[in-house]
C-alpha atoms as a PDB file:
ATOM      1  CA  MET A   1     143.237  16.917  97.219  1.00  0.00           C
ATOM      2  CA  SER A   2     144.187  18.338  93.991  1.00  0.00           C
ATOM      3  CA  GLU A   3     141.593  20.043  91.698  1.00  0.00           C
ATOM      4  CA  PRO A   4     140.114  18.056  88.577  1.00  0.00           C
ATOM      5  CA  THR A   5     142.258  18.614  85.373  1.00  0.00           C
ATOM      6  CA  GLY A   6     141.172  22.092  83.843  1.00  0.00           C
ATOM      7  CA  ALA A   7     139.209  23.012  86.786  1.00  0.00           C
ATOM      8  CA  ALA A   8     141.534  26.049  87.948  1.00  0.00           C
ATOM      9  CA  ARG A   9     141.119  27.396  84.441  1.00  0.00           C
ATOM     10  CA  ARG A  10     137.455  27.667  84.924  1.00  0.00           C
ATOM     11  CA  ARG A  11     137.222  30.079  87.677  1.00  0.00           C
ATOM     12  CA  GLY A  12     139.046  33.146  89.224  1.00  0.00           C
ATOM     13  CA  PRO A  13     140.365  36.097  87.565  1.00  0.00           C
ATOM     14  CA  PHE A  14     141.635  36.050  84.123  1.00  0.00           C
ATOM     15  CA  GLN A  15     145.190  34.918  83.611  1.00  0.00           C
ATOM     16  CA  VAL A  16     147.942  34.604  80.758  1.00  0.00           C
ATOM     17  CA  GLY A  17     146.671  31.735  78.693  1.00  0.00           C
ATOM     18  CA  ASP A  18     143.157  31.955  79.508  1.00  0.00           C
ATOM     19  CA  GLN A  19     140.482  31.826  76.595  1.00  0.00           C
ATOM     20  CA  VAL A  20     138.436  34.617  76.656  1.00  0.00           C
ATOM     21  CA  GLN A  21     135.154  34.992  74.974  1.00  0.00           C
ATOM     22  CA  LEU A  22     134.002  38.801  74.032  1.00  0.00           C
ATOM     23  CA  THR A  23     130.356  39.491  73.231  1.00  0.00           C
ATOM     24  CA  ASP A  24     129.716  42.742  71.234  1.00  0.00           C
ATOM     25  CA  PRO A  25     126.441  44.999  71.379  1.00  0.00           C
ATOM     26  CA  LYS A  26     124.981  42.808  68.624  1.00  0.00           C
ATOM     27  CA  GLY A  27     125.627  39.509  70.460  1.00  0.00           C
ATOM     28  CA  ARG A  28     128.306  38.361  68.155  1.00  0.00           C
ATOM     29  CA  HIS A  29     131.350  36.488  69.930  1.00  0.00           C
ATOM     30  CA  TYR A  30     135.008  36.619  69.493  1.00  0.00           C
ATOM     31  CA  THR A  31     137.329  34.094  71.224  1.00  0.00           C
ATOM     32  CA  PHE A  32     141.240  34.861  71.735  1.00  0.00           C
ATOM     33  CA  THR A  33     143.869  33.510  74.022  1.00  0.00           C
ATOM     34  CA  LEU A  34     145.290  35.949  76.615  1.00  0.00           C
ATOM     35  CA  GLU A  35     148.906  36.839  76.262  1.00  0.00           C
ATOM     36  CA  ALA A  36     150.863  39.834  78.132  1.00  0.00           C
ATOM     37  CA  GLY A  37     151.637  42.769  76.018  1.00  0.00           C
ATOM     38  CA  LYS A  38     149.504  42.077  73.088  1.00  0.00           C
ATOM     39  CA  ASN A  39     146.563  43.903  71.776  1.00  0.00           C
ATOM     40  CA  PHE A  40     143.119  42.594  70.586  1.00  0.00           C
ATOM     41  CA  HIS A  41     141.925  44.155  67.249  1.00  0.00           C
ATOM     42  CA  THR A  42     138.387  44.579  65.884  1.00  0.00           C
ATOM     43  CA  HIS A  43     137.058  47.172  63.247  1.00  0.00           C
ATOM     44  CA  LYS A  44     135.672  49.043  66.092  1.00  0.00           C
ATOM     45  CA  GLY A  45     139.033  49.842  67.735  1.00  0.00           C
ATOM     46  CA  SER A  46     141.366  47.784  69.806  1.00  0.00           C
ATOM     47  CA  PHE A  47     142.053  47.408  73.678  1.00  0.00           C
ATOM     48  CA  PRO A  48     145.157  45.609  75.404  1.00  0.00           C
ATOM     49  CA  HIS A  49     145.124  41.940  76.772  1.00  0.00           C
ATOM     50  CA  ASP A  50     146.663  43.623  80.008  1.00  0.00           C
ATOM     51  CA  GLU A  51     143.461  45.287  80.635  1.00  0.00           C
ATOM     52  CA  LEU A  52     141.682  41.938  81.076  1.00  0.00           C
ATOM     53  CA  ILE A  53     144.812  39.977  82.989  1.00  0.00           C
ATOM     54  CA  GLY A  54     143.797  40.030  86.454  1.00  0.00           C
ATOM     55  CA  ALA A  55     140.300  41.068  86.183  1.00  0.00           C
ATOM     56  CA  PRO A  56     137.393  39.093  87.123  1.00  0.00           C
ATOM     57  CA  GLU A  57     135.383  37.127  84.760  1.00  0.00           C
ATOM     58  CA  GLY A  58     132.365  39.212  83.592  1.00  0.00           C
ATOM     59  CA  SER A  59     134.171  42.405  83.141  1.00  0.00           C
ATOM     60  CA  VAL A  60     133.434  44.872  80.439  1.00  0.00           C
ATOM     61  CA  VAL A  61     136.292  46.402  78.128  1.00  0.00           C
ATOM     62  CA  ARG A  62     136.218  49.262  76.036  1.00  0.00           C
ATOM     63  CA  THR A  63     137.993  49.566  72.496  1.00  0.00           C
ATOM     64  CA  THR A  64     139.717  52.800  71.447  1.00  0.00           C
ATOM     65  CA  GLY A  65     136.540  53.236  69.367  1.00  0.00           C
ATOM     66  CA  ASN A  66     134.584  53.163  72.711  1.00  0.00           C
ATOM     67  CA  VAL A  67     132.714  50.057  71.970  1.00  0.00           C
ATOM     68  CA  ALA A  68     132.053  48.037  75.125  1.00  0.00           C
ATOM     69  CA  TYR A  69     132.661  44.076  74.935  1.00  0.00           C
ATOM     70  CA  LEU A  70     131.739  41.673  77.742  1.00  0.00           C
ATOM     71  CA  ALA A  71     134.530  39.302  78.751  1.00  0.00           C
ATOM     72  CA  LEU A  72     133.707  35.990  79.824  1.00  0.00           C
ATOM     73  CA  ARG A  73     135.497  32.483  79.660  1.00  0.00           C
ATOM     74  CA  PRO A  74     133.884  30.647  76.870  1.00  0.00           C
ATOM     75  CA  LEU A  75     131.644  27.672  77.934  1.00  0.00           C
ATOM     76  CA  LEU A  76     132.679  24.190  76.690  1.00  0.00           C
ATOM     77  CA  PRO A  77     129.630  24.470  73.981  1.00  0.00           C
ATOM     78  CA  ASP A  78     130.730  27.657  72.961  1.00  0.00           C
ATOM     79  CA  TYR A  79     134.378  26.348  72.578  1.00  0.00           C
ATOM     80  CA  VAL A  80     133.836  23.388  70.573  1.00  0.00           C
ATOM     81  CA  LEU A  81     131.819  25.617  67.918  1.00  0.00           C
ATOM     82  CA  SER A  82     134.891  27.893  67.566  1.00  0.00           C
ATOM     83  CA  MET A  83     137.865  25.398  67.834  1.00  0.00           C
ATOM     84  CA  PRO A  84     139.769  24.455  64.728  1.00  0.00           C
ATOM     85  CA  ARG A  85     138.199  21.737  62.640  1.00  0.00           C
ATOM     86  CA  GLY A  86     139.592  18.700  60.824  1.00  0.00           C
ATOM     87  CA  ALA A  87     136.364  17.056  60.803  1.00  0.00           C
ATOM     88  CA  ALA A  88     132.740  18.164  61.506  1.00  0.00           C
ATOM     89  CA  VAL A  89     132.293  18.573  65.269  1.00  0.00           C
ATOM     90  CA  VAL A  90     129.351  16.826  67.353  1.00  0.00           C
ATOM     91  CA  TYR A  91     127.008  19.666  68.193  1.00  0.00           C
ATOM     92  CA  PRO A  92     126.526  20.545  72.016  1.00  0.00           C
ATOM     93  CA  LYS A  93     123.025  19.248  71.873  1.00  0.00           C
ATOM     94  CA  ASP A  94     124.053  15.909  70.625  1.00  0.00           C
ATOM     95  CA  ALA A  95     126.874  15.766  72.976  1.00  0.00           C
ATOM     96  CA  GLY A  96     124.469  16.802  75.809  1.00  0.00           C
ATOM     97  CA  GLN A  97     122.141  13.935  74.776  1.00  0.00           C
ATOM     98  CA  ILE A  98     125.060  11.443  74.519  1.00  0.00           C
ATOM     99  CA  LEU A  99     126.246  12.263  78.187  1.00  0.00           C
ATOM    100  CA  ALA A 100     122.647  11.867  79.297  1.00  0.00           C
ATOM    101  CA  PHE A 101     121.427   8.939  77.699  1.00  0.00           C
ATOM    102  CA  ALA A 102     124.554   6.949  77.376  1.00  0.00           C
ATOM    103  CA  ASP A 103     124.737   7.635  81.057  1.00  0.00           C
ATOM    104  CA  ILE A 104     128.294   8.842  81.300  1.00  0.00           C
ATOM    105  CA  PHE A 105     129.292   8.854  84.680  1.00  0.00           C
ATOM    106  CA  ALA A 106     132.391  10.033  86.904  1.00  0.00           C
ATOM    107  CA  GLY A 107     135.121   7.338  86.912  1.00  0.00           C
ATOM    108  CA  ALA A 108     133.402   5.515  83.586  1.00  0.00           C
ATOM    109  CA  ARG A 109     135.604   3.407  81.170  1.00  0.00           C
ATOM    110  CA  VAL A 110     134.622   4.828  77.936  1.00  0.00           C
ATOM    111  CA  VAL A 111     135.561   3.914  74.312  1.00  0.00           C
ATOM    112  CA  GLU A 112     135.021   6.121  71.554  1.00  0.00           C
ATOM    113  CA  ALA A 113     135.599   5.759  67.825  1.00  0.00           C
ATOM    114  CA  GLY A 114     135.598   8.584  65.375  1.00  0.00           C
ATOM    115  CA  VAL A 115     137.471  11.538  67.347  1.00  0.00           C
ATOM    116  CA  GLY A 116     136.949  14.121  64.663  1.00  0.00           C
ATOM    117  CA  SER A 117     138.068  17.572  65.883  1.00  0.00           C
ATOM    118  CA  GLY A 118     137.818  16.532  69.643  1.00  0.00           C
ATOM    119  CA  SER A 119     134.483  17.885  70.578  1.00  0.00           C
ATOM    120  CA  LEU A 120     132.745  14.906  72.063  1.00  0.00           C
ATOM    121  CA  SER A 121     136.066  13.860  73.550  1.00  0.00           C
ATOM    122  CA  SER A 122     136.136  16.913  75.698  1.00  0.00           C
ATOM    123  CA  PHE A 123     132.626  16.587  76.866  1.00  0.00           C
ATOM    124  CA  LEU A 124     133.475  13.108  77.814  1.00  0.00           C
ATOM    125  CA  LEU A 125     136.584  13.594  79.614  1.00  0.00           C
ATOM    126  CA  ARG A 126     134.836  16.369  81.591  1.00  0.00           C
ATOM    127  CA  ALA A 127     132.098  13.894  82.654  1.00  0.00           C
ATOM    128  CA  ILE A 128     134.365  10.849  83.503  1.00  0.00           C
ATOM    129  CA  GLY A 129     136.750  13.056  85.377  1.00  0.00           C
ATOM    130  CA  ASP A 130     140.528  12.226  86.091  1.00  0.00           C
ATOM    131  CA  GLN A 131     139.663   8.731  87.791  1.00  0.00           C
ATOM    132  CA  GLY A 132     137.745   7.469  84.425  1.00  0.00           C
ATOM    133  CA  MET A 133     139.185   6.239  81.162  1.00  0.00           C
ATOM    134  CA  LEU A 134     138.379   7.336  77.831  1.00  0.00           C
ATOM    135  CA  HIS A 135     140.136   5.532  74.830  1.00  0.00           C
ATOM    136  CA  SER A 136     139.529   7.148  71.765  1.00  0.00           C
ATOM    137  CA  TYR A 137     140.234   5.652  68.271  1.00  0.00           C
ATOM    138  CA  GLU A 138     140.476   7.794  64.987  1.00  0.00           C
ATOM    139  CA  ARG A 139     141.505   6.527  61.567  1.00  0.00           C
ATOM    140  CA  ARG A 140     142.990   9.742  60.275  1.00  0.00           C
ATOM    141  CA  GLU A 141     146.360  10.810  61.641  1.00  0.00           C
ATOM    142  CA  ASP A 142     145.578  14.470  60.944  1.00  0.00           C
ATOM    143  CA  PHE A 143     142.281  14.564  62.447  1.00  0.00           C
ATOM    144  CA  ALA A 144     143.781  12.809  65.801  1.00  0.00           C
ATOM    145  CA  GLU A 145     146.193  15.746  65.812  1.00  0.00           C
ATOM    146  CA  ILE A 146     143.939  18.311  65.493  1.00  0.00           C
ATOM    147  CA  ALA A 147     141.686  16.866  68.185  1.00  0.00           C
ATOM    148  CA  LYS A 148     144.656  16.452  70.467  1.00  0.00           C
ATOM    149  CA  ALA A 149     145.662  19.955  70.244  1.00  0.00           C
ATOM    150  CA  ASN A 150     141.918  21.116  70.673  1.00  0.00           C
ATOM    151  CA  VAL A 151     141.559  18.958  73.985  1.00  0.00           C
ATOM    152  CA  GLU A 152     144.960  19.941  75.380  1.00  0.00           C
ATOM    153  CA  ARG A 153     144.078  23.670  74.773  1.00  0.00           C
ATOM    154  CA  TYR A 154     140.690  23.323  76.673  1.00  0.00           C
ATOM    155  CA  PHE A 155     141.950  21.494  79.557  1.00  0.00           C
ATOM    156  CA  GLY A 156     145.316  23.363  79.662  1.00  0.00           C
ATOM    157  CA  GLY A 157     147.495  20.319  78.832  1.00  0.00           C
ATOM    158  CA  PRO A 158     147.174  16.462  78.541  1.00  0.00           C
ATOM    159  CA  HIS A 159     144.191  15.033  80.372  1.00  0.00           C
ATOM    160  CA  PRO A 160     145.376  11.997  82.423  1.00  0.00           C
ATOM    161  CA  ALA A 161     142.193   9.924  81.746  1.00  0.00           C
ATOM    162  CA  TRP A 162     142.587  10.162  77.778  1.00  0.00           C
ATOM    163  CA  GLN A 163     144.494   7.751  75.426  1.00  0.00           C
ATOM    164  CA  LEU A 164     144.437   8.484  71.625  1.00  0.00           C
ATOM    165  CA  THR A 165     145.003   5.634  69.135  1.00  0.00           C
ATOM    166  CA  VAL A 166     145.252   6.276  65.659  1.00  0.00           C
ATOM    167  CA  GLY A 167     143.751   3.139  63.738  1.00  0.00           C
ATOM    168  CA  ASP A 168     140.494   1.260  63.178  1.00  0.00           C
ATOM    169  CA  LEU A 169     138.623   0.455  66.322  1.00  0.00           C
ATOM    170  CA  GLN A 170     137.684  -2.968  65.167  1.00  0.00           C
ATOM    171  CA  ASP A 171     141.285  -3.849  64.296  1.00  0.00           C
ATOM    172  CA  ASN A 172     142.929  -2.358  67.461  1.00  0.00           C
ATOM    173  CA  LEU A 173     140.169  -2.499  70.203  1.00  0.00           C
ATOM    174  CA  SER A 174     142.060  -4.419  73.169  1.00  0.00           C
ATOM    175  CA  ASP A 175     139.783  -2.712  75.956  1.00  0.00           C
ATOM    176  CA  THR A 176     137.908  -4.911  78.370  1.00  0.00           C
ATOM    177  CA  ASP A 177     135.356  -4.310  81.041  1.00  0.00           C
ATOM    178  CA  VAL A 178     134.308  -1.096  79.222  1.00  0.00           C
ATOM    179  CA  ASP A 179     131.269   0.702  80.548  1.00  0.00           C
ATOM    180  CA  ARG A 180     130.145   2.618  77.667  1.00  0.00           C
ATOM    181  CA  VAL A 181     131.013   2.655  73.750  1.00  0.00           C
ATOM    182  CA  ILE A 182     130.363   5.921  71.707  1.00  0.00           C
ATOM    183  CA  LEU A 183     130.518   5.296  67.935  1.00  0.00           C
ATOM    184  CA  ASP A 184     130.587   8.350  65.614  1.00  0.00           C
ATOM    185  CA  MET A 185     131.346   6.921  62.223  1.00  0.00           C
ATOM    186  CA  LEU A 186     130.292   5.920  58.851  1.00  0.00           C
ATOM    187  CA  ALA A 187     129.741   2.389  59.390  1.00  0.00           C
ATOM    188  CA  PRO A 188     129.213   1.680  63.179  1.00  0.00           C
ATOM    189  CA  TRP A 189     127.734  -1.860  62.282  1.00  0.00           C
ATOM    190  CA  GLU A 190     131.241  -3.134  61.348  1.00  0.00           C
ATOM    191  CA  CYS A 191     132.294  -2.524  64.995  1.00  0.00           C
ATOM    192  CA  LEU A 192     129.438  -4.470  66.701  1.00  0.00           C
ATOM    193  CA  GLU A 193     131.231  -7.665  67.059  1.00  0.00           C
ATOM    194  CA  ALA A 194     134.400  -6.080  68.601  1.00  0.00           C
ATOM    195  CA  VAL A 195     132.217  -3.793  70.818  1.00  0.00           C
ATOM    196  CA  SER A 196     130.036  -6.528  72.108  1.00  0.00           C
ATOM    197  CA  LYS A 197     133.250  -8.247  73.565  1.00  0.00           C
ATOM    198  CA  ALA A 198     134.399  -5.208  75.289  1.00  0.00           C
ATOM    199  CA  LEU A 199     131.235  -3.900  76.961  1.00  0.00           C
ATOM    200  CA  VAL A 200     130.346  -5.226  80.296  1.00  0.00           C
ATOM    201  CA  PRO A 201     126.850  -6.659  80.924  1.00  0.00           C
ATOM    202  CA  GLY A 202     124.579  -3.684  80.991  1.00  0.00           C
ATOM    203  CA  GLY A 203     126.839  -1.534  79.469  1.00  0.00           C
ATOM    204  CA  ILE A 204     125.658   1.147  76.861  1.00  0.00           C
ATOM    205  CA  LEU A 205     126.402   1.297  73.039  1.00  0.00           C
ATOM    206  CA  CYS A 206     125.680   4.845  71.636  1.00  0.00           C
ATOM    207  CA  CYS A 207     125.812   5.419  67.888  1.00  0.00           C
ATOM    208  CA  TYR A 208     125.732   8.750  66.086  1.00  0.00           C
ATOM    209  CA  VAL A 209     125.232   8.702  62.529  1.00  0.00           C
ATOM    210  CA  ALA A 210     123.839  11.168  59.880  1.00  0.00           C
ATOM    211  CA  THR A 211     121.379   9.689  57.554  1.00  0.00           C
ATOM    212  CA  THR A 212     118.182   7.496  57.564  1.00  0.00           C
ATOM    213  CA  THR A 213     119.979   4.685  55.722  1.00  0.00           C
ATOM    214  CA  GLN A 214     122.973   4.583  58.294  1.00  0.00           C
ATOM    215  CA  LEU A 215     120.335   4.507  61.134  1.00  0.00           C
ATOM    216  CA  ALA A 216     118.258   1.906  59.550  1.00  0.00           C
ATOM    217  CA  ARG A 217     121.212  -0.215  59.122  1.00  0.00           C
ATOM    218  CA  THR A 218     122.658   0.410  62.559  1.00  0.00           C
ATOM    219  CA  VAL A 219     119.337  -0.384  64.360  1.00  0.00           C
ATOM    220  CA  GLU A 220     118.748  -3.631  62.325  1.00  0.00           C
ATOM    221  CA  SER A 221     122.362  -4.637  62.744  1.00  0.00           C
ATOM    222  CA  ILE A 222     122.319  -4.041  66.754  1.00  0.00           C
ATOM    223  CA  ARG A 223     119.104  -6.211  66.646  1.00  0.00           C
ATOM    224  CA  GLU A 224     120.748  -9.058  64.377  1.00  0.00           C
ATOM    225  CA  ILE A 225     123.873  -9.474  66.503  1.00  0.00           C
ATOM    226  CA  GLY A 226     121.597 -10.626  69.271  1.00  0.00           C
ATOM    227  CA  CYS A 227     123.523  -9.602  72.405  1.00  0.00           C
ATOM    228  CA  PHE A 228     121.801  -6.189  72.992  1.00  0.00           C
ATOM    229  CA  ALA A 229     118.491  -5.146  74.301  1.00  0.00           C
ATOM    230  CA  GLU A 230     116.102  -3.420  71.901  1.00  0.00           C
ATOM    231  CA  PRO A 231     118.020  -0.252  70.289  1.00  0.00           C
ATOM    232  CA  GLN A 232     116.242   3.168  71.065  1.00  0.00           C
ATOM    233  CA  PRO A 233     116.756   5.659  67.974  1.00  0.00           C
ATOM    234  CA  TRP A 234     115.841   9.268  68.153  1.00  0.00           C
ATOM    235  CA  GLU A 235     116.952  13.007  67.011  1.00  0.00           C
ATOM    236  CA  SER A 236     116.643  16.163  68.628  1.00  0.00           C
ATOM    237  CA  MET A 237     116.148  19.769  67.645  1.00  0.00           C
ATOM    238  CA  ILE A 238     116.482  23.231  69.435  1.00  0.00           C
ATOM    239  CA  ARG A 239     114.438  26.248  68.824  1.00  0.00           C
ATOM    240  CA  ASN A 240     115.317  29.380  70.402  1.00  0.00           C
ATOM    241  CA  TRP A 241     112.792  32.163  71.303  1.00  0.00           C
ATOM    242  CA  HIS A 242     112.666  35.767  70.778  1.00  0.00           C
ATOM    243  CA  VAL A 243     111.378  37.562  73.934  1.00  0.00           C
ATOM    244  CA  GLU A 244     111.003  41.554  73.991  1.00  0.00           C
ATOM    245  CA  GLY A 245     108.060  42.832  76.101  1.00  0.00           C
ATOM    246  CA  LEU A 246     104.945  41.857  74.218  1.00  0.00           C
ATOM    247  CA  ALA A 247     106.719  40.141  71.404  1.00  0.00           C
ATOM    248  CA  VAL A 248     107.271  36.678  72.187  1.00  0.00           C
ATOM    249  CA  ARG A 249     107.621  34.224  69.447  1.00  0.00           C
ATOM    250  CA  PRO A 250     109.946  31.328  68.039  1.00  0.00           C
ATOM    251  CA  ASP A 251     113.388  32.401  66.336  1.00  0.00           C
ATOM    252  CA  HIS A 252     113.215  32.335  62.471  1.00  0.00           C
ATOM    253  CA  ARG A 253     116.335  30.105  62.772  1.00  0.00           C
ATOM    254  CA  MET A 254     116.715  26.759  64.626  1.00  0.00           C
ATOM    255  CA  ILE A 255     119.432  24.039  65.039  1.00  0.00           C
ATOM    256  CA  GLY A 256     117.495  21.329  63.146  1.00  0.00           C
ATOM    257  CA  HIS A 257     118.804  17.996  62.009  1.00  0.00           C
ATOM    258  CA  THR A 258     122.524  17.282  62.810  1.00  0.00           C
ATOM    259  CA  GLY A 259     122.450  13.471  63.311  1.00  0.00           C
ATOM    260  CA  PHE A 260     120.511  10.465  64.764  1.00  0.00           C
ATOM    261  CA  LEU A 261     121.321   8.878  68.186  1.00  0.00           C
ATOM    262  CA  VAL A 262     120.752   5.014  68.888  1.00  0.00           C
ATOM    263  CA  THR A 263     121.557   3.442  72.439  1.00  0.00           C
ATOM    264  CA  ALA A 264     121.455   0.014  73.179  1.00  0.00           C
ATOM    265  CA  ARG A 265     122.123  -1.952  76.383  1.00  0.00           C
ATOM    266  CA  ARG A 266     124.512  -4.969  76.502  1.00  0.00           C
ATOM    267  CA  LEU A 267     122.813  -8.147  77.678  1.00  0.00           C
ATOM    268  CA  ALA A 268     124.635 -10.818  79.795  1.00  0.00           C
ATOM    269  CA  ASP A 269     126.567 -13.623  77.970  1.00  0.00           C
ATOM    270  CA  GLY A 270     124.263 -16.388  76.655  1.00  0.00           C
ATOM    271  CA  VAL A 271     120.824 -14.288  77.112  1.00  0.00           C
ATOM    272  CA  GLU A 272     118.639 -13.921  74.285  1.00  0.00           C
ATOM    273  CA  PRO A 273     116.813 -10.532  73.824  1.00  0.00           C
ATOM    274  CA  PRO A 274     113.075 -10.707  74.810  1.00  0.00           C
ATOM    275  CA  MET A 275     110.861 -11.110  71.995  1.00  0.00           C
ATOM    276  CA  ARG A 276     109.746  -7.623  70.788  1.00  0.00           C
ATOM    277  CA  ARG A 277     105.832  -7.393  71.009  1.00  0.00           C
ATOM    278  CA  ARG A 278     105.456  -4.338  68.804  1.00  0.00           C
ATOM    279  CA  ARG A 279     103.939  -4.866  65.525  1.00  0.00           C
ATOM    280  CA  PRO A 280     105.928  -3.610  62.552  1.00  0.00           C
ATOM    281  CA  ALA A 281     104.062  -1.624  59.736  1.00  0.00           C
ATOM    282  CA  LYS A 282     102.685  -3.499  56.990  1.00  0.00           C
ATOM    283  CA  GLY A 283     105.298  -4.149  54.479  1.00  0.00           C
ATOM    284  CA  ALA A 284     108.155  -3.195  56.735  1.00  0.00           C
ATOM    285  CA  TYR A 285     109.788  -6.634  56.363  1.00  0.00           C
ATOM    286  CA  GLY A 286     108.464  -7.327  52.798  1.00  0.00           C
ATOM    287  CA  ASP A 287     109.747  -9.583  50.047  1.00  0.00           C
ATOM    288  CA  ASP A 288     112.042  -6.894  48.883  1.00  0.00           C
ATOM    289  CA  TYR A 289     113.758  -6.576  52.462  1.00  0.00           C
ATOM    290  CA  GLU A 290     117.165  -8.211  52.449  1.00  0.00           C
ATOM    291  CA  GLY A 291     118.286  -7.467  55.905  1.00  0.00           C
ATOM    292  CA  PRO A 292     120.889  -4.897  57.410  1.00  0.00           C
ATOM    293  CA  ASN A 293     123.939  -6.452  55.767  1.00  0.00           C
ATOM    294  CA  LYS A 294     123.100  -6.508  52.330  1.00  0.00           C
ATOM    295  CA  GLY A 295     126.151  -6.159  50.034  1.00  0.00           C
END
């Protein structure tokens, strides 16, 4: 049985073409690709790539300035934060939430709109595996080219489960019996009709938006279309902690707001969503409320 795409690049001694992440004594990271005969240069000296080729992961190398660097393969969260960008990347904390709460499983048939720089595509492809299907749609050809290069660099070549289409999802979506749809775009409500036709009953729609106005319109539009269960909106934040002996405290910096996530389950055809029993706040639907599709 052959290994899943990219698995061979994640284990064993370093080889030519591998991505290497160096960590200096201050915790700073430097990522590069191993090439025979090349040297890695820093302001603290240099060392030859050949010193790492064939060495086990987790080795320590020293520069000509006698500075030690820890050498490891970058994890996927490290890779997506350092890869070339066309558009902003989906942060690992949000990608992890999408994989968990959109229930991305091995062999799933997934549609993605808004490829950006290929960050989320990489996470999705690794989760669905070679037997799944990811069809990604990107409006901008230049973003699609950057994403394609980033994904293929990570997996070591084209991924057999990935299809990339340049164009609008609502104009080009022809996929059927889709298990999951992920929308990372400015106006996901424009795609709800097309998405509802593609998703299987019980399938999951997951939208990633940046602002509260986008969040409100997305949620209300999902409710209005009438073929999804009650949408669930949320955001997540990460705060690291400093632990040194008796000094245990939260770090001064944290990863705060990056975006909002909304998930909703596709209902069976002809079924009306159960009536919500939650009482909205007074004035939430006042006389000045004009619905999600105003304008």
